[in-house]
Amino acid sequence: MSIIVCYTPTNDIPEERKDEYYDDLQSVVDENPESDMKIVIGDFNAKVGKINQGMEIVMGDEGLCEVVSENGDHLMSFCSANKFVIRGNLFQHKDIHKYAWTSPYGNYKN
């Protein structure tokens, strides 16, 4: 088993830096034996939402919102290319358990 822990840069960095990050992450995944079960965990700074059309194998439809962030697009592509599953939205949870941050006036939840 290979466990890869990562912290993805936020959405506000340049797109080329995000591409470099995912290239580096892919290199780390590729360095591990093909026979290993791979678990990639961490903070991906991504919203993948609940609309999973075309991505049913990669993710469920139990997300918090319908919006997908740029980092969410990157994460879904990375998972699809590696046959990984985004586990956070596979199962039903109360909405309050689907986010870790709320803006001061409660308008935004991430």
PDB file of N, CA and C in Angstrom:
ATOM      1  N   MET A   1       0.846  -1.161   0.000  1.00  0.00           N
ATOM      2  CA  MET A   1       0.000   0.000   0.000  1.00  0.00           C
ATOM      3  C   MET A   1       0.897   1.231   0.000  1.00  0.00           C
ATOM      4  N   SER A   2       0.549   2.217  -0.805  1.00  0.00           N
ATOM      5  CA  SER A   2       1.251   3.498  -0.840  1.00  0.00           C
ATOM      6  C   SER A   2       0.276   4.583  -0.422  1.00  0.00           C
ATOM      7  N   ILE A   3       0.682   5.382   0.549  1.00  0.00           N
ATOM      8  CA  ILE A   3      -0.134   6.514   0.993  1.00  0.00           C
ATOM      9  C   ILE A   3       0.615   7.778   0.631  1.00  0.00           C
ATOM     10  N   ILE A   4      -0.036   8.617  -0.139  1.00  0.00           N
ATOM     11  CA  ILE A   4       0.556   9.874  -0.605  1.00  0.00           C
ATOM     12  C   ILE A   4      -0.250  11.012   0.017  1.00  0.00           C
ATOM     13  N   VAL A   5       0.430  11.852   0.758  1.00  0.00           N
ATOM     14  CA  VAL A   5      -0.228  12.977   1.427  1.00  0.00           C
ATOM     15  C   VAL A   5       0.166  14.247   0.688  1.00  0.00           C
ATOM     16  N   CYS A   6      -0.820  15.088   0.382  1.00  0.00           N
ATOM     17  CA  CYS A   6      -0.512  16.286  -0.396  1.00  0.00           C
ATOM     18  C   CYS A   6      -1.324  17.492   0.069  1.00  0.00           C
ATOM     19  N   TYR A   7      -0.862  18.644  -0.317  1.00  0.00           N
ATOM     20  CA  TYR A   7      -1.566  19.898  -0.074  1.00  0.00           C
ATOM     21  C   TYR A   7      -1.525  20.680  -1.377  1.00  0.00           C
ATOM     22  N   THR A   8      -2.672  20.836  -2.004  1.00  0.00           N
ATOM     23  CA  THR A   8      -2.765  21.473  -3.307  1.00  0.00           C
ATOM     24  C   THR A   8      -2.849  22.983  -3.158  1.00  0.00           C
ATOM     25  N   PRO A   9      -2.134  23.738  -4.008  1.00  0.00           N
ATOM     26  CA  PRO A   9      -2.251  25.204  -3.970  1.00  0.00           C
ATOM     27  C   PRO A   9      -3.689  25.649  -4.216  1.00  0.00           C
ATOM     28  N   THR A  10      -4.024  26.821  -3.738  1.00  0.00           N
ATOM     29  CA  THR A  10      -5.382  27.337  -3.880  1.00  0.00           C
ATOM     30  C   THR A  10      -5.671  27.762  -5.318  1.00  0.00           C
ATOM     31  N   ASN A  11      -6.938  28.087  -5.588  1.00  0.00           N
ATOM     32  CA  ASN A  11      -7.380  28.467  -6.931  1.00  0.00           C
ATOM     33  C   ASN A  11      -6.742  29.746  -7.454  1.00  0.00           C
ATOM     34  N   ASP A  12      -6.254  30.611  -6.576  1.00  0.00           N
ATOM     35  CA  ASP A  12      -5.789  31.926  -7.031  1.00  0.00           C
ATOM     36  C   ASP A  12      -4.359  31.952  -7.565  1.00  0.00           C
ATOM     37  N   ILE A  13      -3.693  30.804  -7.634  1.00  0.00           N
ATOM     38  CA  ILE A  13      -2.348  30.806  -8.223  1.00  0.00           C
ATOM     39  C   ILE A  13      -2.468  30.614  -9.740  1.00  0.00           C
ATOM     40  N   PRO A  14      -1.421  30.971 -10.484  1.00  0.00           N
ATOM     41  CA  PRO A  14      -1.475  30.833 -11.951  1.00  0.00           C
ATOM     42  C   PRO A  14      -1.700  29.383 -12.399  1.00  0.00           C
ATOM     43  N   GLU A  15      -2.385  29.250 -13.503  1.00  0.00           N
ATOM     44  CA  GLU A  15      -2.741  27.935 -14.048  1.00  0.00           C
ATOM     45  C   GLU A  15      -1.509  27.070 -14.325  1.00  0.00           C
ATOM     46  N   GLU A  16      -0.427  27.688 -14.815  1.00  0.00           N
ATOM     47  CA  GLU A  16       0.775  26.899 -15.111  1.00  0.00           C
ATOM     48  C   GLU A  16       1.374  26.293 -13.840  1.00  0.00           C
ATOM     49  N   ARG A  17       1.239  26.976 -12.706  1.00  0.00           N
ATOM     50  CA  ARG A  17       1.734  26.426 -11.427  1.00  0.00           C
ATOM     51  C   ARG A  17       0.890  25.224 -11.007  1.00  0.00           C
ATOM     52  N   LYS A  18      -0.438  25.294 -11.245  1.00  0.00           N
ATOM     53  CA  LYS A  18      -1.311  24.152 -10.945  1.00  0.00           C
ATOM     54  C   LYS A  18      -0.932  22.951 -11.808  1.00  0.00           C
ATOM     55  N   ASP A  19      -0.654  23.216 -13.082  1.00  0.00           N
ATOM     56  CA  ASP A  19      -0.249  22.132 -13.984  1.00  0.00           C
ATOM     57  C   ASP A  19       1.052  21.490 -13.502  1.00  0.00           C
ATOM     58  N   GLU A  20       2.005  22.319 -13.053  1.00  0.00           N
ATOM     59  CA  GLU A  20       3.265  21.798 -12.514  1.00  0.00           C
ATOM     60  C   GLU A  20       3.001  20.936 -11.282  1.00  0.00           C
ATOM     61  N   TYR A  21       2.122  21.404 -10.411  1.00  0.00           N
ATOM     62  CA  TYR A  21       1.799  20.661  -9.191  1.00  0.00           C
ATOM     63  C   TYR A  21       1.253  19.280  -9.535  1.00  0.00           C
ATOM     64  N   TYR A  22       0.267  19.227 -10.448  1.00  0.00           N
ATOM     65  CA  TYR A  22      -0.323  17.928 -10.795  1.00  0.00           C
ATOM     66  C   TYR A  22       0.655  17.052 -11.566  1.00  0.00           C
ATOM     67  N   ASP A  23       1.577  17.645 -12.329  1.00  0.00           N
ATOM     68  CA  ASP A  23       2.635  16.851 -12.968  1.00  0.00           C
ATOM     69  C   ASP A  23       3.532  16.223 -11.905  1.00  0.00           C
ATOM     70  N   ASP A  24       3.878  17.012 -10.879  1.00  0.00           N
ATOM     71  CA  ASP A  24       4.698  16.492  -9.776  1.00  0.00           C
ATOM     72  C   ASP A  24       3.962  15.392  -9.018  1.00  0.00           C
ATOM     73  N   LEU A  25       2.672  15.617  -8.751  1.00  0.00           N
ATOM     74  CA  LEU A  25       1.879  14.609  -8.046  1.00  0.00           C
ATOM     75  C   LEU A  25       1.792  13.326  -8.866  1.00  0.00           C
ATOM     76  N   GLN A  26       1.625  13.463 -10.170  1.00  0.00           N
ATOM     77  CA  GLN A  26       1.581  12.288 -11.038  1.00  0.00           C
ATOM     78  C   GLN A  26       2.906  11.529 -10.994  1.00  0.00           C
ATOM     79  N   SER A  27       4.009  12.256 -10.944  1.00  0.00           N
ATOM     80  CA  SER A  27       5.322  11.610 -10.842  1.00  0.00           C
ATOM     81  C   SER A  27       5.440  10.795  -9.567  1.00  0.00           C
ATOM     82  N   VAL A  28       4.936  11.340  -8.474  1.00  0.00           N
ATOM     83  CA  VAL A  28       4.977  10.613  -7.196  1.00  0.00           C
ATOM     84  C   VAL A  28       4.123   9.354  -7.282  1.00  0.00           C
ATOM     85  N   VAL A  29       2.934   9.463  -7.861  1.00  0.00           N
ATOM     86  CA  VAL A  29       2.072   8.291  -8.024  1.00  0.00           C
ATOM     87  C   VAL A  29       2.763   7.245  -8.885  1.00  0.00           C
ATOM     88  N   ASP A  30       3.395   7.685  -9.963  1.00  0.00           N
ATOM     89  CA  ASP A  30       4.056   6.758 -10.886  1.00  0.00           C
ATOM     90  C   ASP A  30       5.282   6.082 -10.275  1.00  0.00           C
ATOM     91  N   GLU A  31       5.904   6.722  -9.279  1.00  0.00           N
ATOM     92  CA  GLU A  31       7.087   6.139  -8.628  1.00  0.00           C
ATOM     93  C   GLU A  31       6.745   4.928  -7.762  1.00  0.00           C
ATOM     94  N   ASN A  32       5.493   4.820  -7.360  1.00  0.00           N
ATOM     95  CA  ASN A  32       5.072   3.716  -6.501  1.00  0.00           C
ATOM     96  C   ASN A  32       4.768   2.490  -7.344  1.00  0.00           C
ATOM     97  N   PRO A  33       5.009   1.304  -6.775  1.00  0.00           N
ATOM     98  CA  PRO A  33       4.770   0.070  -7.533  1.00  0.00           C
ATOM     99  C   PRO A  33       3.335  -0.014  -8.057  1.00  0.00           C
ATOM    100  N   GLU A  34       3.200  -0.489  -9.269  1.00  0.00           N
ATOM    101  CA  GLU A  34       1.882  -0.607  -9.886  1.00  0.00           C
ATOM    102  C   GLU A  34       0.972  -1.543  -9.102  1.00  0.00           C
ATOM    103  N   SER A  35       1.576  -2.513  -8.428  1.00  0.00           N
ATOM    104  CA  SER A  35       0.792  -3.493  -7.676  1.00  0.00           C
ATOM    105  C   SER A  35       0.263  -2.936  -6.352  1.00  0.00           C
ATOM    106  N   ASP A  36       0.775  -1.789  -5.915  1.00  0.00           N
ATOM    107  CA  ASP A  36       0.340  -1.200  -4.648  1.00  0.00           C
ATOM    108  C   ASP A  36      -1.056  -0.594  -4.760  1.00  0.00           C
ATOM    109  N   MET A  37      -1.827  -0.713  -3.678  1.00  0.00           N
ATOM    110  CA  MET A  37      -3.036   0.077  -3.545  1.00  0.00           C
ATOM    111  C   MET A  37      -2.560   1.486  -3.212  1.00  0.00           C
ATOM    112  N   LYS A  38      -3.045   2.483  -3.927  1.00  0.00           N
ATOM    113  CA  LYS A  38      -2.600   3.856  -3.716  1.00  0.00           C
ATOM    114  C   LYS A  38      -3.722   4.673  -3.078  1.00  0.00           C
ATOM    115  N   ILE A  39      -3.375   5.354  -2.000  1.00  0.00           N
ATOM    116  CA  ILE A  39      -4.311   6.249  -1.332  1.00  0.00           C
ATOM    117  C   ILE A  39      -3.679   7.631  -1.361  1.00  0.00           C
ATOM    118  N   VAL A  40      -4.360   8.575  -1.997  1.00  0.00           N
ATOM    119  CA  VAL A  40      -3.882   9.953  -2.057  1.00  0.00           C
ATOM    120  C   VAL A  40      -4.825  10.768  -1.190  1.00  0.00           C
ATOM    121  N   ILE A  41      -4.288  11.326  -0.109  1.00  0.00           N
ATOM    122  CA  ILE A  41      -5.115  12.093   0.817  1.00  0.00           C
ATOM    123  C   ILE A  41      -4.488  13.456   1.042  1.00  0.00           C
ATOM    124  N   GLY A  42      -5.297  14.387   1.495  1.00  0.00           N
ATOM    125  CA  GLY A  42      -4.790  15.713   1.811  1.00  0.00           C
ATOM    126  C   GLY A  42      -5.845  16.763   1.538  1.00  0.00           C
ATOM    127  N   ASP A  43      -5.393  17.981   1.451  1.00  0.00           N
ATOM    128  CA  ASP A  43      -6.276  19.110   1.163  1.00  0.00           C
ATOM    129  C   ASP A  43      -6.067  19.489  -0.292  1.00  0.00           C
ATOM    130  N   PHE A  44      -7.064  19.213  -1.114  1.00  0.00           N
ATOM    131  CA  PHE A  44      -6.962  19.512  -2.539  1.00  0.00           C
ATOM    132  C   PHE A  44      -7.493  20.900  -2.881  1.00  0.00           C
ATOM    133  N   ASN A  45      -7.977  21.637  -1.878  1.00  0.00           N
ATOM    134  CA  ASN A  45      -8.517  22.980  -2.111  1.00  0.00           C
ATOM    135  C   ASN A  45      -9.443  22.985  -3.325  1.00  0.00           C
ATOM    136  N   ALA A  46     -10.330  22.000  -3.370  1.00  0.00           N
ATOM    137  CA  ALA A  46     -11.171  21.803  -4.546  1.00  0.00           C
ATOM    138  C   ALA A  46     -12.633  21.625  -4.150  1.00  0.00           C
ATOM    139  N   LYS A  47     -13.503  22.101  -5.027  1.00  0.00           N
ATOM    140  CA  LYS A  47     -14.935  21.807  -4.937  1.00  0.00           C
ATOM    141  C   LYS A  47     -15.281  20.975  -6.161  1.00  0.00           C
ATOM    142  N   VAL A  48     -15.829  19.789  -5.931  1.00  0.00           N
ATOM    143  CA  VAL A  48     -16.232  18.951  -7.058  1.00  0.00           C
ATOM    144  C   VAL A  48     -17.746  18.919  -7.218  1.00  0.00           C
ATOM    145  N   GLY A  49     -18.455  19.469  -6.252  1.00  0.00           N
ATOM    146  CA  GLY A  49     -19.894  19.572  -6.366  1.00  0.00           C
ATOM    147  C   GLY A  49     -20.607  18.239  -6.345  1.00  0.00           C
ATOM    148  N   LYS A  50     -21.829  18.253  -6.843  1.00  0.00           N
ATOM    149  CA  LYS A  50     -22.629  17.033  -6.831  1.00  0.00           C
ATOM    150  C   LYS A  50     -23.053  16.572  -8.218  1.00  0.00           C
ATOM    151  N   ILE A  51     -22.730  17.334  -9.244  1.00  0.00           N
ATOM    152  CA  ILE A  51     -23.068  16.931 -10.610  1.00  0.00           C
ATOM    153  C   ILE A  51     -21.920  16.071 -11.128  1.00  0.00           C
ATOM    154  N   ASN A  52     -22.200  14.808 -11.362  1.00  0.00           N
ATOM    155  CA  ASN A  52     -21.129  13.880 -11.736  1.00  0.00           C
ATOM    156  C   ASN A  52     -21.320  13.247 -13.109  1.00  0.00           C
ATOM    157  N   GLN A  53     -22.088  13.886 -13.982  1.00  0.00           N
ATOM    158  CA  GLN A  53     -22.311  13.324 -15.310  1.00  0.00           C
ATOM    159  C   GLN A  53     -20.966  13.122 -16.019  1.00  0.00           C
ATOM    160  N   GLY A  54     -20.737  11.912 -16.486  1.00  0.00           N
ATOM    161  CA  GLY A  54     -19.503  11.576 -17.159  1.00  0.00           C
ATOM    162  C   GLY A  54     -18.371  11.234 -16.202  1.00  0.00           C
ATOM    163  N   MET A  55     -18.594  11.417 -14.919  1.00  0.00           N
ATOM    164  CA  MET A  55     -17.569  11.138 -13.907  1.00  0.00           C
ATOM    165  C   MET A  55     -18.102  10.196 -12.829  1.00  0.00           C
ATOM    166  N   GLU A  56     -19.118   9.430 -13.140  1.00  0.00           N
ATOM    167  CA  GLU A  56     -19.742   8.550 -12.150  1.00  0.00           C
ATOM    168  C   GLU A  56     -18.751   7.555 -11.547  1.00  0.00           C
ATOM    169  N   ILE A  57     -17.764   7.128 -12.311  1.00  0.00           N
ATOM    170  CA  ILE A  57     -16.778   6.173 -11.815  1.00  0.00           C
ATOM    171  C   ILE A  57     -15.814   6.855 -10.839  1.00  0.00           C
ATOM    172  N   VAL A  58     -15.599   8.154 -11.018  1.00  0.00           N
ATOM    173  CA  VAL A  58     -14.637   8.904 -10.217  1.00  0.00           C
ATOM    174  C   VAL A  58     -15.253   9.457  -8.937  1.00  0.00           C
ATOM    175  N   MET A  59     -16.527   9.841  -8.970  1.00  0.00           N
ATOM    176  CA  MET A  59     -17.121  10.522  -7.820  1.00  0.00           C
ATOM    177  C   MET A  59     -18.612  10.249  -7.706  1.00  0.00           C
ATOM    178  N   GLY A  60     -19.126  10.482  -6.519  1.00  0.00           N
ATOM    179  CA  GLY A  60     -20.552  10.341  -6.279  1.00  0.00           C
ATOM    180  C   GLY A  60     -21.279  11.643  -6.546  1.00  0.00           C
ATOM    181  N   ASP A  61     -22.531  11.698  -6.125  1.00  0.00           N
ATOM    182  CA  ASP A  61     -23.334  12.904  -6.353  1.00  0.00           C
ATOM    183  C   ASP A  61     -23.865  13.484  -5.042  1.00  0.00           C
ATOM    184  N   GLU A  62     -23.124  13.291  -3.966  1.00  0.00           N
ATOM    185  CA  GLU A  62     -23.557  13.760  -2.651  1.00  0.00           C
ATOM    186  C   GLU A  62     -22.755  14.970  -2.175  1.00  0.00           C
ATOM    187  N   GLY A  63     -22.252  15.781  -3.107  1.00  0.00           N
ATOM    188  CA  GLY A  63     -21.495  16.974  -2.744  1.00  0.00           C
ATOM    189  C   GLY A  63     -22.378  18.061  -2.171  1.00  0.00           C
ATOM    190  N   LEU A  64     -21.752  19.153  -1.773  1.00  0.00           N
ATOM    191  CA  LEU A  64     -22.463  20.251  -1.131  1.00  0.00           C
ATOM    192  C   LEU A  64     -23.129  21.180  -2.132  1.00  0.00           C
ATOM    193  N   CYS A  65     -22.505  21.438  -3.257  1.00  0.00           N
ATOM    194  CA  CYS A  65     -23.022  22.442  -4.190  1.00  0.00           C
ATOM    195  C   CYS A  65     -22.940  21.908  -5.618  1.00  0.00           C
ATOM    196  N   GLU A  66     -23.391  22.721  -6.549  1.00  0.00           N
ATOM    197  CA  GLU A  66     -23.334  22.320  -7.951  1.00  0.00           C
ATOM    198  C   GLU A  66     -22.137  22.932  -8.665  1.00  0.00           C
ATOM    199  N   VAL A  67     -21.384  23.772  -7.967  1.00  0.00           N
ATOM    200  CA  VAL A  67     -20.240  24.470  -8.547  1.00  0.00           C
ATOM    201  C   VAL A  67     -19.002  23.592  -8.485  1.00  0.00           C
ATOM    202  N   VAL A  68     -18.236  23.606  -9.557  1.00  0.00           N
ATOM    203  CA  VAL A  68     -16.949  22.914  -9.594  1.00  0.00           C
ATOM    204  C   VAL A  68     -15.873  23.993  -9.729  1.00  0.00           C
ATOM    205  N   SER A  69     -14.907  23.987  -8.834  1.00  0.00           N
ATOM    206  CA  SER A  69     -13.821  24.972  -8.906  1.00  0.00           C
ATOM    207  C   SER A  69     -12.780  24.521  -9.926  1.00  0.00           C
ATOM    208  N   GLU A  70     -11.857  25.442 -10.279  1.00  0.00           N
ATOM    209  CA  GLU A  70     -10.768  25.066 -11.189  1.00  0.00           C
ATOM    210  C   GLU A  70      -9.980  23.903 -10.603  1.00  0.00           C
ATOM    211  N   ASN A  71      -9.712  23.964  -9.304  1.00  0.00           N
ATOM    212  CA  ASN A  71      -8.999  22.865  -8.659  1.00  0.00           C
ATOM    213  C   ASN A  71      -9.834  21.586  -8.703  1.00  0.00           C
ATOM    214  N   GLY A  72     -11.143  21.716  -8.650  1.00  0.00           N
ATOM    215  CA  GLY A  72     -12.014  20.558  -8.764  1.00  0.00           C
ATOM    216  C   GLY A  72     -11.883  19.896 -10.127  1.00  0.00           C
ATOM    217  N   ASP A  73     -11.791  20.707 -11.177  1.00  0.00           N
ATOM    218  CA  ASP A  73     -11.575  20.166 -12.525  1.00  0.00           C
ATOM    219  C   ASP A  73     -10.259  19.407 -12.602  1.00  0.00           C
ATOM    220  N   HIS A  74      -9.208  20.008 -12.045  1.00  0.00           N
ATOM    221  CA  HIS A  74      -7.904  19.343 -12.037  1.00  0.00           C
ATOM    222  C   HIS A  74      -7.971  18.022 -11.274  1.00  0.00           C
ATOM    223  N   LEU A  75      -8.614  18.053 -10.105  1.00  0.00           N
ATOM    224  CA  LEU A  75      -8.703  16.847  -9.281  1.00  0.00           C
ATOM    225  C   LEU A  75      -9.473  15.742  -9.993  1.00  0.00           C
ATOM    226  N   MET A  76     -10.592  16.090 -10.612  1.00  0.00           N
ATOM    227  CA  MET A  76     -11.381  15.079 -11.321  1.00  0.00           C
ATOM    228  C   MET A  76     -10.598  14.483 -12.490  1.00  0.00           C
ATOM    229  N   SER A  77      -9.862  15.306 -13.222  1.00  0.00           N
ATOM    230  CA  SER A  77      -9.048  14.802 -14.339  1.00  0.00           C
ATOM    231  C   SER A  77      -7.949  13.879 -13.841  1.00  0.00           C
ATOM    232  N   PHE A  78      -7.287  14.292 -12.747  1.00  0.00           N
ATOM    233  CA  PHE A  78      -6.224  13.483 -12.157  1.00  0.00           C
ATOM    234  C   PHE A  78      -6.768  12.129 -11.710  1.00  0.00           C
ATOM    235  N   CYS A  79      -7.903  12.150 -11.024  1.00  0.00           N
ATOM    236  CA  CYS A  79      -8.503  10.897 -10.542  1.00  0.00           C
ATOM    237  C   CYS A  79      -8.947  10.013 -11.700  1.00  0.00           C
ATOM    238  N   SER A  80      -9.527  10.606 -12.706  1.00  0.00           N
ATOM    239  CA  SER A  80      -9.976   9.835 -13.857  1.00  0.00           C
ATOM    240  C   SER A  80      -8.784   9.168 -14.560  1.00  0.00           C
ATOM    241  N   ALA A  81      -7.699   9.892 -14.739  1.00  0.00           N
ATOM    242  CA  ALA A  81      -6.523   9.358 -15.421  1.00  0.00           C
ATOM    243  C   ALA A  81      -5.887   8.215 -14.645  1.00  0.00           C
ATOM    244  N   ASN A  82      -6.033   8.225 -13.316  1.00  0.00           N
ATOM    245  CA  ASN A  82      -5.392   7.212 -12.478  1.00  0.00           C
ATOM    246  C   ASN A  82      -6.357   6.158 -11.940  1.00  0.00           C
ATOM    247  N   LYS A  83      -7.619   6.250 -12.366  1.00  0.00           N
ATOM    248  CA  LYS A  83      -8.663   5.338 -11.880  1.00  0.00           C
ATOM    249  C   LYS A  83      -8.804   5.414 -10.362  1.00  0.00           C
ATOM    250  N   PHE A  84      -8.743   6.655  -9.828  1.00  0.00           N
ATOM    251  CA  PHE A  84      -8.952   6.924  -8.417  1.00  0.00           C
ATOM    252  C   PHE A  84     -10.394   7.349  -8.204  1.00  0.00           C
ATOM    253  N   VAL A  85     -10.849   7.275  -6.976  1.00  0.00           N
ATOM    254  CA  VAL A  85     -12.211   7.664  -6.625  1.00  0.00           C
ATOM    255  C   VAL A  85     -12.153   8.781  -5.586  1.00  0.00           C
ATOM    256  N   ILE A  86     -12.938   9.823  -5.788  1.00  0.00           N
ATOM    257  CA  ILE A  86     -13.089  10.891  -4.798  1.00  0.00           C
ATOM    258  C   ILE A  86     -14.141  10.407  -3.817  1.00  0.00           C
ATOM    259  N   ARG A  87     -13.724  10.079  -2.608  1.00  0.00           N
ATOM    260  CA  ARG A  87     -14.611   9.417  -1.657  1.00  0.00           C
ATOM    261  C   ARG A  87     -15.522  10.372  -0.898  1.00  0.00           C
ATOM    262  N   GLY A  88     -15.158  11.646  -0.825  1.00  0.00           N
ATOM    263  CA  GLY A  88     -15.882  12.586   0.027  1.00  0.00           C
ATOM    264  C   GLY A  88     -17.337  12.802  -0.337  1.00  0.00           C
ATOM    265  N   ASN A  89     -17.716  12.530  -1.560  1.00  0.00           N
ATOM    266  CA  ASN A  89     -19.109  12.753  -1.940  1.00  0.00           C
ATOM    267  C   ASN A  89     -19.791  11.483  -2.458  1.00  0.00           C
ATOM    268  N   LEU A  90     -19.311  10.349  -2.017  1.00  0.00           N
ATOM    269  CA  LEU A  90     -19.946   9.080  -2.396  1.00  0.00           C
ATOM    270  C   LEU A  90     -21.153   8.746  -1.524  1.00  0.00           C
ATOM    271  N   PHE A  91     -21.117   9.173  -0.274  1.00  0.00           N
ATOM    272  CA  PHE A  91     -22.137   8.767   0.681  1.00  0.00           C
ATOM    273  C   PHE A  91     -22.917   9.969   1.198  1.00  0.00           C
ATOM    274  N   GLN A  92     -24.157   9.739   1.594  1.00  0.00           N
ATOM    275  CA  GLN A  92     -24.983  10.810   2.140  1.00  0.00           C
ATOM    276  C   GLN A  92     -24.448  11.246   3.495  1.00  0.00           C
ATOM    277  N   HIS A  93     -24.406  12.562   3.674  1.00  0.00           N
ATOM    278  CA  HIS A  93     -24.047  13.182   4.946  1.00  0.00           C
ATOM    279  C   HIS A  93     -24.956  14.381   5.131  1.00  0.00           C
ATOM    280  N   LYS A  94     -25.147  14.804   6.362  1.00  0.00           N
ATOM    281  CA  LYS A  94     -25.846  16.060   6.598  1.00  0.00           C
ATOM    282  C   LYS A  94     -24.990  17.167   5.998  1.00  0.00           C
ATOM    283  N   ASP A  95     -25.646  18.216   5.462  1.00  0.00           N
ATOM    284  CA  ASP A  95     -24.892  19.308   4.836  1.00  0.00           C
ATOM    285  C   ASP A  95     -23.845  19.897   5.778  1.00  0.00           C
ATOM    286  N   ILE A  96     -24.140  19.986   7.047  1.00  0.00           N
ATOM    287  CA  ILE A  96     -23.200  20.571   8.002  1.00  0.00           C
ATOM    288  C   ILE A  96     -21.887  19.781   8.082  1.00  0.00           C
ATOM    289  N   HIS A  97     -21.898  18.528   7.668  1.00  0.00           N
ATOM    290  CA  HIS A  97     -20.694  17.699   7.679  1.00  0.00           C
ATOM    291  C   HIS A  97     -19.957  17.721   6.342  1.00  0.00           C
ATOM    292  N   LYS A  98     -20.423  18.519   5.400  1.00  0.00           N
ATOM    293  CA  LYS A  98     -19.822  18.559   4.072  1.00  0.00           C
ATOM    294  C   LYS A  98     -18.868  19.730   3.874  1.00  0.00           C
ATOM    295  N   TYR A  99     -18.712  20.581   4.872  1.00  0.00           N
ATOM    296  CA  TYR A  99     -17.807  21.716   4.735  1.00  0.00           C
ATOM    297  C   TYR A  99     -17.067  21.952   6.044  1.00  0.00           C
ATOM    298  N   ALA A 100     -15.912  22.619   5.916  1.00  0.00           N
ATOM    299  CA  ALA A 100     -15.059  22.867   7.086  1.00  0.00           C
ATOM    300  C   ALA A 100     -14.911  24.352   7.388  1.00  0.00           C
ATOM    301  N   TRP A 101     -15.405  25.218   6.489  1.00  0.00           N
ATOM    302  CA  TRP A 101     -15.250  26.657   6.669  1.00  0.00           C
ATOM    303  C   TRP A 101     -16.522  27.355   6.222  1.00  0.00           C
ATOM    304  N   THR A 102     -16.904  28.379   6.968  1.00  0.00           N
ATOM    305  CA  THR A 102     -18.052  29.228   6.624  1.00  0.00           C
ATOM    306  C   THR A 102     -17.585  30.677   6.674  1.00  0.00           C
ATOM    307  N   SER A 103     -17.991  31.483   5.687  1.00  0.00           N
ATOM    308  CA  SER A 103     -17.621  32.889   5.686  1.00  0.00           C
ATOM    309  C   SER A 103     -18.284  33.605   6.876  1.00  0.00           C
ATOM    310  N   PRO A 104     -17.769  34.775   7.263  1.00  0.00           N
ATOM    311  CA  PRO A 104     -18.290  35.467   8.457  1.00  0.00           C
ATOM    312  C   PRO A 104     -19.813  35.663   8.473  1.00  0.00           C
ATOM    313  N   TYR A 105     -20.418  35.927   7.342  1.00  0.00           N
ATOM    314  CA  TYR A 105     -21.878  36.127   7.309  1.00  0.00           C
ATOM    315  C   TYR A 105     -22.631  34.892   6.853  1.00  0.00           C
ATOM    316  N   GLY A 106     -21.932  33.779   6.672  1.00  0.00           N
ATOM    317  CA  GLY A 106     -22.561  32.523   6.325  1.00  0.00           C
ATOM    318  C   GLY A 106     -22.951  32.391   4.864  1.00  0.00           C
ATOM    319  N   ASN A 107     -22.469  33.312   4.005  1.00  0.00           N
ATOM    320  CA  ASN A 107     -22.821  33.271   2.576  1.00  0.00           C
ATOM    321  C   ASN A 107     -22.102  32.170   1.808  1.00  0.00           C
ATOM    322  N   TYR A 108     -20.900  31.818   2.264  1.00  0.00           N
ATOM    323  CA  TYR A 108     -20.087  30.838   1.551  1.00  0.00           C
ATOM    324  C   TYR A 108     -19.671  29.731   2.496  1.00  0.00           C
ATOM    325  N   LYS A 109     -19.653  28.521   1.961  1.00  0.00           N
ATOM    326  CA  LYS A 109     -19.232  27.349   2.733  1.00  0.00           C
ATOM    327  C   LYS A 109     -18.296  26.527   1.870  1.00  0.00           C
ATOM    328  N   ASN A 110     -17.182  26.151   2.445  1.00  0.00           N
ATOM    329  CA  ASN A 110     -16.190  25.356   1.708  1.00  0.00           C
ATOM    330  C   ASN A 110     -15.780  24.168   2.534  1.00  0.00           C
TER     331      ASN A 110
END
